[in-house]
Amino acid sequence: MKNKPPKTINWGIIGLGNIAHKFATDLLTVEGATLYAVASRNQEKADAFGKKYNALKSYSSYEALAKDANLDAVYIATPHAFHKEHTLLCLENGIAVLCEKPFAMNANEVAEMITKAKAKNTLLMEALWTYFYRITNTF
């Protein structure tokens, strides 16, 4: 029996600040991951970011990115106050979300995000990487 090659995961990024550059750089090293689309409120910024990291598409609208049927997952890297809004936008369209920390502004927003993810049967995860460090699990 032959092993099937893993499916390529088409990633999108919403919000293109410093942390998004770090994420995109790391994503380039992940086998089976493609930076498919990026979105900023400014088309020139989206185009420049996309060109730098070889994204196939760039958008000046977060809504347009969230409606792209070719996306499998989106990394949310916008300012904290917008995490809930942008997460719900992606989840509503059936796109898995990796949201930068903090997840949301309060527990009620987090509950709303989790409820939507469950209703859509879609992955939702906070980008809290320190949890996986060995030292973190020592205490």
Protein backbone atom coordinates (compact mmCIF):
# COMPACT_ATOMS: atom_id res chain seq x y z
CA MET A 1 0.00 0.00 0.00
CA LYS A 2 1.38 3.39 -1.00
CA ASN A 3 1.30 6.35 1.32
CA LYS A 4 -0.69 9.25 -0.04
CA PRO A 5 1.09 12.59 0.00
CA PRO A 6 -0.40 14.88 2.63
CA LYS A 7 -2.95 17.44 1.48
CA THR A 8 -1.54 20.90 1.04
CA ILE A 9 -3.13 23.29 3.54
CA ASN A 10 -3.92 26.66 1.97
CA TRP A 11 -3.34 29.35 4.59
CA GLY A 12 -4.51 32.93 4.68
CA ILE A 13 -3.34 35.76 6.91
CA ILE A 14 -5.57 38.61 8.07
CA GLY A 15 -3.57 41.57 9.41
CA LEU A 16 -0.05 42.03 8.12
CA GLY A 17 1.94 43.55 10.98
CA ASN A 18 5.18 42.33 12.56
CA ILE A 19 3.82 39.10 14.02
CA ALA A 20 2.34 38.18 10.62
CA HIS A 21 5.81 38.48 9.06
CA LYS A 22 7.14 36.02 11.62
CA PHE A 23 4.28 33.63 10.97
CA ALA A 24 4.71 33.83 7.18
CA THR A 25 8.46 33.23 7.47
CA ASP A 26 7.87 30.13 9.57
CA LEU A 27 5.04 28.91 7.34
CA LEU A 28 7.47 28.80 4.41
CA THR A 29 9.35 26.02 6.23
CA VAL A 30 6.29 23.83 6.87
CA GLU A 31 5.87 20.91 4.50
CA GLY A 32 2.34 20.73 3.15
CA ALA A 33 1.54 24.37 3.92
CA THR A 34 1.06 27.12 1.34
CA LEU A 35 0.52 30.81 1.97
CA TYR A 36 -2.42 31.11 -0.38
CA ALA A 37 -3.81 34.57 0.45
CA VAL A 38 -3.16 37.64 2.57
CA ALA A 39 -5.37 40.58 3.49
CA SER A 40 -4.78 44.10 4.70
CA ARG A 41 -6.96 47.20 4.69
CA ASN A 42 -4.44 48.57 2.17
CA GLN A 43 -4.05 46.82 -1.21
CA GLU A 44 -0.45 48.01 -1.70
CA LYS A 45 0.55 46.59 1.68
CA ALA A 46 -1.23 43.31 0.88
CA ASP A 47 0.48 43.10 -2.51
CA ALA A 48 3.94 43.78 -1.05
CA PHE A 49 3.46 41.24 1.75
CA GLY A 50 2.12 38.67 -0.68
CA LYS A 51 5.02 39.17 -3.05
CA LYS A 52 7.58 38.85 -0.24
CA TYR A 53 6.13 35.52 0.94
CA ASN A 54 4.91 34.14 -2.42
CA ALA A 55 1.19 34.32 -1.60
CA LEU A 56 -1.00 33.48 -4.57
CA LYS A 57 -3.61 36.16 -3.76
CA SER A 58 -3.75 39.44 -1.89
CA TYR A 59 -6.87 41.28 -0.77
CA SER A 60 -7.67 44.77 0.52
CA SER A 61 -10.70 43.36 2.30
CA TYR A 62 -10.83 40.82 5.11
CA GLU A 63 -14.32 39.87 3.95
CA ALA A 64 -13.05 39.02 0.45
CA LEU A 65 -10.33 36.78 1.87
CA ALA A 66 -12.84 35.01 4.12
CA LYS A 67 -15.04 34.24 1.10
CA ASP A 68 -12.21 32.57 -0.84
CA ALA A 69 -13.33 28.95 -1.11
CA ASN A 70 -9.74 27.73 -1.62
CA LEU A 71 -8.65 28.60 1.92
CA ASP A 72 -8.37 25.88 4.55
CA ALA A 73 -7.12 27.95 7.49
CA VAL A 74 -6.55 31.59 8.42
CA TYR A 75 -4.11 33.14 10.88
CA ILE A 76 -5.67 36.20 12.55
CA ALA A 77 -3.00 38.81 13.34
CA THR A 78 -5.06 41.98 13.63
CA PRO A 79 -5.17 44.21 16.74
CA HIS A 80 -6.69 42.44 19.76
CA ALA A 81 -9.97 44.36 19.68
CA PHE A 82 -10.74 42.86 16.25
CA HIS A 83 -9.92 39.21 16.96
CA LYS A 84 -13.52 38.22 17.63
CA GLU A 85 -14.88 39.98 14.55
CA HIS A 86 -12.32 38.51 12.18
CA THR A 87 -12.48 35.05 13.74
CA LEU A 88 -16.27 34.92 13.39
CA LEU A 89 -15.97 36.12 9.80
CA CYS A 90 -13.73 33.17 8.91
CA LEU A 91 -15.64 30.60 10.95
CA GLU A 92 -18.91 31.66 9.31
CA ASN A 93 -17.32 30.72 5.98
CA GLY A 94 -16.12 27.34 7.28
CA ILE A 95 -12.45 28.30 7.48
CA ALA A 96 -10.34 27.00 10.37
CA VAL A 97 -8.82 29.77 12.51
CA LEU A 98 -5.53 30.17 14.34
CA CYS A 99 -6.00 33.42 16.27
CA GLU A 100 -3.08 35.32 17.76
CA LYS A 101 -3.16 35.89 21.51
CA PRO A 102 -4.99 37.24 23.31
CA PHE A 103 -7.83 35.24 21.85
CA ALA A 104 -10.38 37.98 22.52
CA MET A 105 -11.04 40.93 24.80
CA ASN A 106 -13.11 39.05 27.38
CA ALA A 107 -14.66 35.70 28.26
CA ASN A 108 -17.97 36.52 26.57
CA GLU A 109 -16.22 37.09 23.25
CA VAL A 110 -14.30 33.83 23.62
CA ALA A 111 -17.56 31.98 24.37
CA GLU A 112 -19.14 33.44 21.23
CA MET A 113 -16.15 32.36 19.13
CA ILE A 114 -16.22 28.83 20.55
CA THR A 115 -19.98 28.56 20.01
CA LYS A 116 -19.58 29.54 16.35
CA ALA A 117 -16.69 27.08 15.84
CA LYS A 118 -18.79 24.26 17.29
CA ALA A 119 -21.83 25.23 15.21
CA LYS A 120 -19.72 25.21 12.05
CA ASN A 121 -17.72 22.12 13.12
CA THR A 122 -14.57 24.10 12.35
CA LEU A 123 -11.21 24.21 14.12
CA LEU A 124 -10.53 27.25 16.31
CA MET A 125 -7.22 27.61 18.14
CA GLU A 126 -5.36 30.34 20.00
CA ALA A 127 -1.75 30.89 18.94
CA LEU A 128 -0.31 30.27 22.39
CA TRP A 129 2.91 28.47 21.47
CA THR A 130 4.61 28.70 24.87
CA TYR A 131 2.24 26.02 26.16
CA PHE A 132 4.19 23.48 24.13
CA TYR A 133 7.61 24.33 25.57
CA ARG A 134 8.96 21.57 27.81
CA ILE A 135 9.71 24.03 30.65
CA THR A 136 6.06 25.14 30.68
CA ASN A 137 4.91 21.59 31.37
CA THR A 138 7.41 21.13 34.20
CA PHE A 139 5.49 23.18 36.75
